[in-house]
Amino acid sequence: MITERLAVGVVVERRPARTRWEDHIWRVVAVLPGGPLLPPWSVLSEAEGTTRFLAGTMDIQVHSSDTKVYKHNIEAAQPAVYVVLRRGGGPVGWALLMVTVDPTEAQSHVDAGDDLVEAVPMPRAIFDWLSAFVSAHHVERTEWRRKRDRADPEALAPRRGRAMLGDDDE
């Protein structure tokens, strides 16, 4: 299996909530190819109560065995990069957990609990990198289903023979 990595920076936005149950709303707003050299959770901008942070830098990791899902992603109407943040870590209460281009991997975190999972539009540089990886390593496989053997109606029928009739003693 061949694996490649691409470093990216993740930009997260915190804005005031308009409900009484939460103070702020968090959302991922961008993924930057190359990963800026700033410490995690550095403030990038502040305006009108909205703060943008560089949540951190992380690698997108792709594997040659998973090219089918990557191919579906880059062929979609809006190719996406998926970012997973987990509550409870970092100086702002969130920790950068994962950046992926595999929608099924991101979906597993949606189902798993309290993680924030967001899809952001895939930047051109990531699209080009992923497209090159897919074209170099994707092998189209035909999907097949195993055909079951036809049931033999006589296989489960009671056997007619001497043992069944009680004629063992003869």
N, C-alpha and C. Protein backbone atom coordinates (compact mmCIF):
# COMPACT_ATOMS: atom_id res chain seq x y z
N MET A 1 0.85 -1.17 0.00
CA MET A 1 0.00 0.00 0.00
C MET A 1 0.90 1.24 0.00
N ILE A 2 0.57 2.18 -0.84
CA ILE A 2 1.33 3.42 -0.95
C ILE A 2 0.57 4.52 -0.21
N THR A 3 1.31 5.31 0.59
CA THR A 3 0.73 6.39 1.36
C THR A 3 1.44 7.69 1.04
N GLU A 4 0.67 8.75 0.90
CA GLU A 4 1.23 10.10 0.73
C GLU A 4 0.57 11.02 1.73
N ARG A 5 1.30 12.10 2.07
CA ARG A 5 0.80 13.09 3.03
C ARG A 5 0.96 14.49 2.46
N LEU A 6 0.04 15.36 2.87
CA LEU A 6 0.10 16.77 2.50
C LEU A 6 -0.26 17.59 3.73
N ALA A 7 0.65 18.46 4.15
CA ALA A 7 0.40 19.32 5.32
C ALA A 7 -0.58 20.43 4.95
N VAL A 8 -1.53 20.67 5.84
CA VAL A 8 -2.50 21.75 5.65
C VAL A 8 -2.72 22.47 6.98
N GLY A 9 -3.08 23.74 6.88
CA GLY A 9 -3.49 24.50 8.05
C GLY A 9 -5.01 24.62 8.04
N VAL A 10 -5.59 24.65 9.23
CA VAL A 10 -7.05 24.69 9.36
C VAL A 10 -7.46 26.01 10.02
N VAL A 11 -8.33 26.75 9.35
CA VAL A 11 -8.84 28.02 9.88
C VAL A 11 -10.23 27.78 10.45
N VAL A 12 -10.41 28.19 11.72
CA VAL A 12 -11.66 27.99 12.44
C VAL A 12 -12.18 29.36 12.87
N GLU A 13 -13.49 29.51 12.84
CA GLU A 13 -14.11 30.78 13.21
C GLU A 13 -14.98 30.59 14.44
N ARG A 14 -14.89 31.55 15.37
CA ARG A 14 -15.78 31.59 16.55
C ARG A 14 -16.58 32.88 16.46
N ARG A 15 -17.91 32.74 16.48
CA ARG A 15 -18.77 33.92 16.43
C ARG A 15 -19.80 33.81 17.54
N PRO A 16 -20.32 34.94 18.00
CA PRO A 16 -21.32 34.89 19.07
C PRO A 16 -22.56 34.12 18.63
N ALA A 17 -23.09 33.35 19.55
CA ALA A 17 -24.32 32.59 19.28
C ALA A 17 -25.52 33.49 19.51
N ARG A 18 -26.58 33.18 18.84
CA ARG A 18 -27.82 33.94 19.01
C ARG A 18 -28.83 33.15 19.82
N THR A 19 -28.33 32.28 20.69
CA THR A 19 -29.21 31.51 21.56
C THR A 19 -28.72 31.67 23.00
N ARG A 20 -29.54 31.31 23.93
CA ARG A 20 -29.12 31.40 25.33
C ARG A 20 -28.42 30.14 25.81
N TRP A 21 -28.37 29.09 24.97
CA TRP A 21 -27.77 27.84 25.38
C TRP A 21 -26.28 27.76 25.10
N GLU A 22 -25.81 28.56 24.18
CA GLU A 22 -24.38 28.55 23.86
C GLU A 22 -23.88 29.98 23.75
N ASP A 23 -22.62 30.16 24.15
CA ASP A 23 -22.00 31.48 24.05
C ASP A 23 -21.49 31.77 22.64
N HIS A 24 -20.92 30.72 22.02
CA HIS A 24 -20.30 30.89 20.71
C HIS A 24 -20.66 29.74 19.78
N ILE A 25 -20.58 30.04 18.50
CA ILE A 25 -20.73 29.02 17.46
C ILE A 25 -19.37 28.87 16.80
N TRP A 26 -18.96 27.62 16.65
CA TRP A 26 -17.67 27.32 16.01
C TRP A 26 -17.92 26.69 14.66
N ARG A 27 -17.10 27.07 13.68
CA ARG A 27 -17.18 26.42 12.38
C ARG A 27 -15.82 26.49 11.69
N VAL A 28 -15.57 25.49 10.88
CA VAL A 28 -14.34 25.46 10.09
C VAL A 28 -14.62 26.26 8.83
N VAL A 29 -13.72 27.20 8.49
CA VAL A 29 -13.98 28.05 7.33
C VAL A 29 -13.03 27.81 6.17
N ALA A 30 -11.85 27.23 6.43
CA ALA A 30 -10.91 27.03 5.32
C ALA A 30 -9.82 26.03 5.70
N VAL A 31 -9.25 25.44 4.66
CA VAL A 31 -8.07 24.59 4.79
C VAL A 31 -7.02 25.19 3.86
N LEU A 32 -5.83 25.44 4.41
CA LEU A 32 -4.76 26.10 3.66
C LEU A 32 -3.66 25.12 3.33
N PRO A 33 -3.43 24.82 2.06
CA PRO A 33 -2.35 23.89 1.69
C PRO A 33 -1.00 24.40 2.18
N GLY A 34 -0.19 23.47 2.64
CA GLY A 34 1.16 23.82 3.07
C GLY A 34 1.28 24.05 4.56
N GLY A 35 0.26 24.46 5.21
CA GLY A 35 0.30 24.65 6.65
C GLY A 35 1.16 25.81 7.09
N PRO A 36 0.56 26.94 7.47
CA PRO A 36 1.32 28.09 7.95
C PRO A 36 2.14 27.76 9.18
N LEU A 37 3.23 28.45 9.36
CA LEU A 37 4.12 28.19 10.49
C LEU A 37 3.76 29.09 11.67
N LEU A 38 2.58 28.90 12.21
CA LEU A 38 2.12 29.61 13.39
C LEU A 38 1.75 28.59 14.45
N PRO A 39 1.83 28.97 15.71
CA PRO A 39 1.40 28.02 16.75
C PRO A 39 -0.10 27.75 16.66
N PRO A 40 -0.53 26.55 17.10
CA PRO A 40 -1.97 26.25 17.09
C PRO A 40 -2.76 27.28 17.89
N TRP A 41 -3.92 27.59 17.39
CA TRP A 41 -4.89 28.51 17.96
C TRP A 41 -4.39 29.95 17.99
N SER A 42 -3.54 30.29 17.04
CA SER A 42 -3.13 31.68 16.85
C SER A 42 -4.31 32.45 16.28
N VAL A 43 -4.52 33.68 16.76
CA VAL A 43 -5.59 34.52 16.25
C VAL A 43 -5.15 35.10 14.91
N LEU A 44 -5.97 34.91 13.89
CA LEU A 44 -5.68 35.45 12.56
C LEU A 44 -6.36 36.79 12.33
N SER A 45 -7.60 36.92 12.83
CA SER A 45 -8.33 38.18 12.68
C SER A 45 -9.45 38.25 13.71
N GLU A 46 -9.84 39.49 14.03
CA GLU A 46 -10.97 39.74 14.93
C GLU A 46 -11.76 40.91 14.38
N ALA A 47 -13.07 40.77 14.31
CA ALA A 47 -13.94 41.85 13.86
C ALA A 47 -15.36 41.58 14.32
N GLU A 48 -15.97 42.56 14.95
CA GLU A 48 -17.37 42.51 15.36
C GLU A 48 -17.73 41.24 16.12
N GLY A 49 -16.89 40.83 17.05
CA GLY A 49 -17.15 39.66 17.88
C GLY A 49 -16.78 38.33 17.25
N THR A 50 -16.39 38.34 15.99
CA THR A 50 -15.99 37.11 15.30
C THR A 50 -14.47 37.02 15.28
N THR A 51 -13.97 35.87 15.70
CA THR A 51 -12.52 35.65 15.74
C THR A 51 -12.18 34.46 14.87
N ARG A 52 -11.16 34.63 14.03
CA ARG A 52 -10.65 33.51 13.22
C ARG A 52 -9.32 33.06 13.80
N PHE A 53 -9.20 31.73 13.94
CA PHE A 53 -8.00 31.11 14.50
C PHE A 53 -7.37 30.18 13.48
N LEU A 54 -6.08 30.02 13.58
CA LEU A 54 -5.42 28.90 12.92
C LEU A 54 -5.45 27.78 13.94
N ALA A 55 -6.34 26.81 13.73
CA ALA A 55 -6.50 25.72 14.70
C ALA A 55 -5.25 24.87 14.81
N GLY A 56 -4.48 24.83 13.74
CA GLY A 56 -3.24 24.05 13.74
C GLY A 56 -2.93 23.55 12.35
N THR A 57 -1.84 22.83 12.28
CA THR A 57 -1.41 22.22 11.03
C THR A 57 -1.47 20.71 11.19
N MET A 58 -1.96 20.05 10.17
CA MET A 58 -2.08 18.59 10.22
C MET A 58 -1.89 18.04 8.81
N ASP A 59 -1.51 16.79 8.73
CA ASP A 59 -1.35 16.13 7.44
C ASP A 59 -2.65 15.49 6.98
N ILE A 60 -2.95 15.65 5.69
CA ILE A 60 -3.97 14.83 5.05
C ILE A 60 -3.20 13.60 4.57
N GLN A 61 -3.68 12.45 4.94
CA GLN A 61 -3.00 11.20 4.58
C GLN A 61 -3.90 10.42 3.63
N VAL A 62 -3.33 9.99 2.49
CA VAL A 62 -4.09 9.20 1.52
C VAL A 62 -3.39 7.87 1.29
N HIS A 63 -4.19 6.84 1.01
CA HIS A 63 -3.68 5.48 0.82
C HIS A 63 -4.13 4.95 -0.54
N SER A 64 -3.26 4.22 -1.20
CA SER A 64 -3.60 3.69 -2.52
C SER A 64 -4.77 2.72 -2.48
N SER A 65 -5.04 2.12 -1.34
CA SER A 65 -6.16 1.18 -1.23
C SER A 65 -7.51 1.89 -1.15
N ASP A 66 -7.51 3.21 -0.94
CA ASP A 66 -8.76 3.96 -0.76
C ASP A 66 -9.07 4.90 -1.92
N THR A 67 -8.45 4.68 -3.06
CA THR A 67 -8.62 5.63 -4.17
C THR A 67 -10.06 5.72 -4.68
N LYS A 68 -10.85 4.69 -4.48
CA LYS A 68 -12.23 4.72 -4.96
C LYS A 68 -13.02 5.86 -4.30
N VAL A 69 -12.88 6.03 -2.97
CA VAL A 69 -13.60 7.10 -2.28
C VAL A 69 -13.02 8.47 -2.62
N TYR A 70 -11.72 8.54 -2.82
CA TYR A 70 -11.11 9.82 -3.23
C TYR A 70 -11.61 10.21 -4.62
N LYS A 71 -11.73 9.22 -5.50
CA LYS A 71 -12.19 9.48 -6.86
C LYS A 71 -13.62 10.03 -6.83
N HIS A 72 -14.47 9.45 -6.00
CA HIS A 72 -15.84 9.96 -5.86
C HIS A 72 -15.83 11.39 -5.35
N ASN A 73 -14.93 11.69 -4.42
CA ASN A 73 -14.84 13.04 -3.86
C ASN A 73 -14.45 14.05 -4.93
N ILE A 74 -13.40 13.77 -5.70
CA ILE A 74 -12.94 14.76 -6.68
C ILE A 74 -13.89 14.86 -7.88
N GLU A 75 -14.72 13.84 -8.09
CA GLU A 75 -15.70 13.90 -9.18
C GLU A 75 -17.04 14.51 -8.74
N ALA A 76 -17.16 14.82 -7.45
CA ALA A 76 -18.40 15.40 -6.94
C ALA A 76 -18.57 16.84 -7.45
N ALA A 77 -19.80 17.33 -7.37
CA ALA A 77 -20.07 18.71 -7.79
C ALA A 77 -19.25 19.69 -6.96
N GLN A 78 -19.06 19.41 -5.68
CA GLN A 78 -18.26 20.27 -4.80
C GLN A 78 -17.29 19.39 -4.01
N PRO A 79 -16.08 19.12 -4.55
CA PRO A 79 -15.10 18.33 -3.80
C PRO A 79 -14.82 18.99 -2.45
N ALA A 80 -14.62 18.17 -1.42
CA ALA A 80 -14.50 18.71 -0.06
C ALA A 80 -13.33 18.11 0.70
N VAL A 81 -12.88 18.88 1.67
CA VAL A 81 -11.93 18.42 2.68
C VAL A 81 -12.72 18.41 3.98
N TYR A 82 -12.58 17.36 4.75
CA TYR A 82 -13.34 17.20 5.99
C TYR A 82 -12.42 17.42 7.19
N VAL A 83 -12.89 18.23 8.13
CA VAL A 83 -12.11 18.56 9.31
C VAL A 83 -12.89 18.10 10.53
N VAL A 84 -12.19 17.46 11.47
CA VAL A 84 -12.81 16.98 12.70
C VAL A 84 -12.14 17.69 13.88
N LEU A 85 -12.96 18.38 14.69
CA LEU A 85 -12.51 19.01 15.93
C LEU A 85 -13.16 18.26 17.09
N ARG A 86 -12.41 18.11 18.17
CA ARG A 86 -12.94 17.40 19.35
C ARG A 86 -12.99 18.35 20.54
N ARG A 87 -14.10 18.31 21.25
CA ARG A 87 -14.27 19.14 22.45
C ARG A 87 -13.29 18.75 23.55
N GLY A 88 -12.95 19.75 24.34
CA GLY A 88 -12.19 19.49 25.56
C GLY A 88 -10.70 19.69 25.45
N GLY A 89 -10.18 19.95 24.28
CA GLY A 89 -8.74 20.13 24.15
C GLY A 89 -8.40 21.53 23.72
N GLY A 90 -7.14 21.84 23.77
CA GLY A 90 -6.65 23.12 23.28
C GLY A 90 -7.04 24.28 24.18
N PRO A 91 -6.47 25.44 23.93
CA PRO A 91 -6.71 26.60 24.78
C PRO A 91 -8.11 27.19 24.64
N VAL A 92 -8.84 26.84 23.58
CA VAL A 92 -10.18 27.40 23.38
C VAL A 92 -11.28 26.36 23.61
N GLY A 93 -10.92 25.18 24.05
CA GLY A 93 -11.91 24.13 24.30
C GLY A 93 -12.12 23.18 23.16
N TRP A 94 -11.35 23.32 22.10
CA TRP A 94 -11.42 22.41 20.95
C TRP A 94 -10.01 21.98 20.59
N ALA A 95 -9.89 20.78 20.07
CA ALA A 95 -8.60 20.28 19.56
C ALA A 95 -8.80 19.79 18.14
N LEU A 96 -7.82 20.09 17.30
CA LEU A 96 -7.85 19.61 15.92
C LEU A 96 -7.54 18.12 15.94
N LEU A 97 -8.48 17.30 15.49
CA LEU A 97 -8.33 15.85 15.58
C LEU A 97 -7.91 15.23 14.24
N MET A 98 -8.51 15.70 13.13
CA MET A 98 -8.24 15.05 11.86
C MET A 98 -8.62 15.96 10.69
N VAL A 99 -7.87 15.81 9.61
CA VAL A 99 -8.21 16.41 8.33
C VAL A 99 -8.14 15.28 7.30
N THR A 100 -9.21 15.10 6.52
CA THR A 100 -9.27 13.98 5.59
C THR A 100 -10.00 14.37 4.31
N VAL A 101 -9.74 13.62 3.26
CA VAL A 101 -10.49 13.77 2.01
C VAL A 101 -11.39 12.55 1.78
N ASP A 102 -11.51 11.72 2.80
CA ASP A 102 -12.33 10.51 2.75
C ASP A 102 -13.65 10.76 3.48
N PRO A 103 -14.76 10.93 2.76
CA PRO A 103 -16.03 11.23 3.42
C PRO A 103 -16.52 10.12 4.36
N THR A 104 -16.16 8.88 4.09
CA THR A 104 -16.60 7.79 4.98
C THR A 104 -15.87 7.86 6.31
N GLU A 105 -14.62 8.27 6.29
CA GLU A 105 -13.86 8.43 7.53
C GLU A 105 -14.45 9.58 8.36
N ALA A 106 -14.80 10.66 7.70
CA ALA A 106 -15.42 11.79 8.40
C ALA A 106 -16.77 11.38 8.98
N GLN A 107 -17.55 10.62 8.23
CA GLN A 107 -18.86 10.18 8.69
C GLN A 107 -18.76 9.34 9.97
N SER A 108 -17.70 8.57 10.11
CA SER A 108 -17.55 7.76 11.32
C SER A 108 -17.43 8.64 12.56
N HIS A 109 -16.93 9.86 12.42
CA HIS A 109 -16.85 10.78 13.56
C HIS A 109 -18.17 11.49 13.81
N VAL A 110 -18.98 11.64 12.79
CA VAL A 110 -20.31 12.21 12.99
C VAL A 110 -21.13 11.27 13.84
N ASP A 111 -21.03 9.98 13.56
CA ASP A 111 -21.80 8.97 14.27
C ASP A 111 -21.27 8.69 15.67
N ALA A 112 -20.02 9.06 15.95
CA ALA A 112 -19.35 8.62 17.17
C ALA A 112 -19.61 9.48 18.39
N GLY A 113 -20.07 10.71 18.25
CA GLY A 113 -20.28 11.47 19.47
C GLY A 113 -20.34 12.97 19.28
N ASP A 114 -19.56 13.67 20.08
CA ASP A 114 -19.66 15.11 20.20
C ASP A 114 -18.62 15.87 19.37
N ASP A 115 -18.04 15.22 18.37
CA ASP A 115 -17.05 15.88 17.53
C ASP A 115 -17.75 16.85 16.58
N LEU A 116 -17.04 17.93 16.24
CA LEU A 116 -17.51 18.86 15.22
C LEU A 116 -16.88 18.44 13.91
N VAL A 117 -17.70 18.04 12.95
CA VAL A 117 -17.21 17.59 11.64
C VAL A 117 -17.76 18.52 10.59
N GLU A 118 -16.85 19.15 9.83
CA GLU A 118 -17.27 20.10 8.81
C GLU A 118 -16.58 19.80 7.50
N ALA A 119 -17.33 19.98 6.43
CA ALA A 119 -16.78 19.87 5.08
C ALA A 119 -16.54 21.28 4.56
N VAL A 120 -15.34 21.52 4.03
CA VAL A 120 -15.03 22.81 3.43
C VAL A 120 -14.64 22.57 1.97
N PRO A 121 -14.87 23.54 1.11
CA PRO A 121 -14.50 23.36 -0.30
C PRO A 121 -13.01 23.05 -0.44
N MET A 122 -12.71 22.11 -1.32
CA MET A 122 -11.33 21.67 -1.52
C MET A 122 -10.55 22.73 -2.32
N PRO A 123 -9.47 23.27 -1.75
CA PRO A 123 -8.64 24.22 -2.50
C PRO A 123 -8.03 23.55 -3.74
N ARG A 124 -7.76 24.36 -4.74
CA ARG A 124 -7.24 23.85 -6.03
C ARG A 124 -5.95 23.05 -5.84
N ALA A 125 -5.05 23.50 -4.97
CA ALA A 125 -3.78 22.79 -4.78
C ALA A 125 -4.01 21.39 -4.22
N ILE A 126 -4.95 21.24 -3.31
CA ILE A 126 -5.27 19.92 -2.75
C ILE A 126 -5.96 19.07 -3.81
N PHE A 127 -6.86 19.68 -4.57
CA PHE A 127 -7.55 18.97 -5.66
C PHE A 127 -6.53 18.41 -6.65
N ASP A 128 -5.57 19.23 -7.05
CA ASP A 128 -4.55 18.78 -8.02
C ASP A 128 -3.70 17.66 -7.44
N TRP A 129 -3.30 17.78 -6.18
CA TRP A 129 -2.49 16.75 -5.51
C TRP A 129 -3.27 15.43 -5.42
N LEU A 130 -4.54 15.51 -5.01
CA LEU A 130 -5.36 14.31 -4.86
C LEU A 130 -5.66 13.68 -6.22
N SER A 131 -5.93 14.50 -7.22
CA SER A 131 -6.20 13.99 -8.58
C SER A 131 -4.99 13.24 -9.12
N ALA A 132 -3.79 13.79 -8.90
CA ALA A 132 -2.56 13.12 -9.35
C ALA A 132 -2.37 11.79 -8.64
N PHE A 133 -2.67 11.75 -7.34
CA PHE A 133 -2.55 10.51 -6.57
C PHE A 133 -3.54 9.46 -7.09
N VAL A 134 -4.77 9.86 -7.32
CA VAL A 134 -5.79 8.93 -7.81
C VAL A 134 -5.42 8.41 -9.19
N SER A 135 -5.00 9.30 -10.07
CA SER A 135 -4.67 8.83 -11.43
C SER A 135 -3.44 7.92 -11.43
N ALA A 136 -2.54 8.09 -10.48
CA ALA A 136 -1.36 7.24 -10.42
C ALA A 136 -1.63 5.88 -9.77
N HIS A 137 -2.61 5.79 -8.88
CA HIS A 137 -2.76 4.58 -8.07
C HIS A 137 -4.12 3.90 -8.16
N HIS A 138 -5.11 4.53 -8.80
CA HIS A 138 -6.44 3.93 -8.83
C HIS A 138 -6.50 2.79 -9.83
N VAL A 139 -7.07 1.69 -9.40
CA VAL A 139 -7.32 0.54 -10.26
C VAL A 139 -8.82 0.29 -10.21
N GLU A 140 -9.46 0.38 -11.36
CA GLU A 140 -10.90 0.16 -11.42
C GLU A 140 -11.17 -1.33 -11.20
N ARG A 141 -12.00 -1.62 -10.24
CA ARG A 141 -12.33 -3.00 -9.92
C ARG A 141 -13.80 -3.21 -10.16
N THR A 142 -14.12 -4.31 -10.83
CA THR A 142 -15.52 -4.63 -11.03
C THR A 142 -16.04 -5.27 -9.75
N GLU A 143 -17.18 -4.82 -9.35
CA GLU A 143 -17.76 -5.39 -8.14
C GLU A 143 -18.59 -6.59 -8.52
N TRP A 144 -18.48 -7.64 -7.76
CA TRP A 144 -19.24 -8.83 -8.04
C TRP A 144 -19.83 -9.33 -6.74
N ARG A 145 -20.91 -10.03 -6.91
CA ARG A 145 -21.56 -10.64 -5.76
C ARG A 145 -21.46 -12.14 -5.90
N ARG A 146 -21.24 -12.75 -4.80
CA ARG A 146 -21.17 -14.21 -4.79
C ARG A 146 -22.57 -14.74 -5.06
N LYS A 147 -22.65 -15.70 -5.94
CA LYS A 147 -23.94 -16.33 -6.21
C LYS A 147 -24.08 -17.53 -5.30
N ARG A 148 -25.21 -17.57 -4.65
CA ARG A 148 -25.47 -18.69 -3.75
C ARG A 148 -25.87 -19.91 -4.55
N ASP A 149 -25.54 -21.05 -4.02
CA ASP A 149 -25.99 -22.29 -4.63
C ASP A 149 -27.50 -22.37 -4.49
N ARG A 150 -28.12 -22.88 -5.51
CA ARG A 150 -29.58 -23.05 -5.43
C ARG A 150 -29.90 -24.09 -4.36
N ALA A 151 -30.93 -23.83 -3.61
CA ALA A 151 -31.33 -24.74 -2.54
C ALA A 151 -31.82 -26.07 -3.12
N ASP A 152 -31.42 -27.13 -2.46
CA ASP A 152 -31.87 -28.46 -2.84
C ASP A 152 -33.06 -28.79 -1.95
N PRO A 153 -34.28 -28.84 -2.50
CA PRO A 153 -35.45 -29.07 -1.66
C PRO A 153 -35.42 -30.44 -0.98
N GLU A 154 -34.69 -31.38 -1.52
CA GLU A 154 -34.62 -32.71 -0.93
C GLU A 154 -33.61 -32.79 0.21
N ALA A 155 -32.74 -31.81 0.34
CA ALA A 155 -31.69 -31.87 1.35
C ALA A 155 -32.25 -31.87 2.77
N LEU A 156 -33.35 -31.20 3.00
CA LEU A 156 -33.91 -31.11 4.34
C LEU A 156 -35.13 -32.03 4.52
N ALA A 157 -35.51 -32.75 3.49
CA ALA A 157 -36.66 -33.65 3.58
C ALA A 157 -36.30 -34.85 4.46
N PRO A 158 -37.30 -35.41 5.17
CA PRO A 158 -37.01 -36.59 5.98
C PRO A 158 -36.55 -37.75 5.09
N ARG A 159 -35.58 -38.45 5.59
CA ARG A 159 -35.05 -39.57 4.80
C ARG A 159 -35.97 -40.78 4.98
N ARG A 160 -36.21 -41.45 3.88
CA ARG A 160 -37.04 -42.65 3.94
C ARG A 160 -36.10 -43.83 3.80
N GLY A 161 -36.03 -44.53 4.81
CA GLY A 161 -35.14 -45.68 4.77
C GLY A 161 -35.41 -46.60 5.93
N ARG A 162 -34.61 -47.58 6.04
CA ARG A 162 -34.82 -48.59 7.08
C ARG A 162 -34.66 -48.00 8.46
N ALA A 163 -33.71 -47.07 8.66
CA ALA A 163 -33.50 -46.52 9.99
C ALA A 163 -34.70 -45.70 10.42
N MET A 164 -35.35 -45.02 9.50
CA MET A 164 -36.47 -44.19 9.83
C MET A 164 -37.71 -45.02 10.14
N LEU A 165 -37.80 -46.19 9.57
CA LEU A 165 -38.98 -47.02 9.74
C LEU A 165 -38.87 -47.96 10.93
N GLY A 166 -37.72 -47.97 11.56
CA GLY A 166 -37.57 -48.84 12.71
C GLY A 166 -37.24 -50.26 12.32
N ASP A 167 -36.75 -50.48 11.14
CA ASP A 167 -36.43 -51.82 10.66
C ASP A 167 -34.95 -52.11 10.83
N ASP A 168 -34.32 -51.60 11.87
CA ASP A 168 -32.89 -51.80 12.07
C ASP A 168 -32.55 -53.24 12.43
N ASP A 169 -33.46 -53.93 13.05
CA ASP A 169 -33.14 -55.24 13.61
C ASP A 169 -33.11 -56.35 12.57
N GLU A 170 -33.53 -56.12 11.42
CA GLU A 170 -33.59 -57.19 10.43
C GLU A 170 -32.28 -57.55 9.88
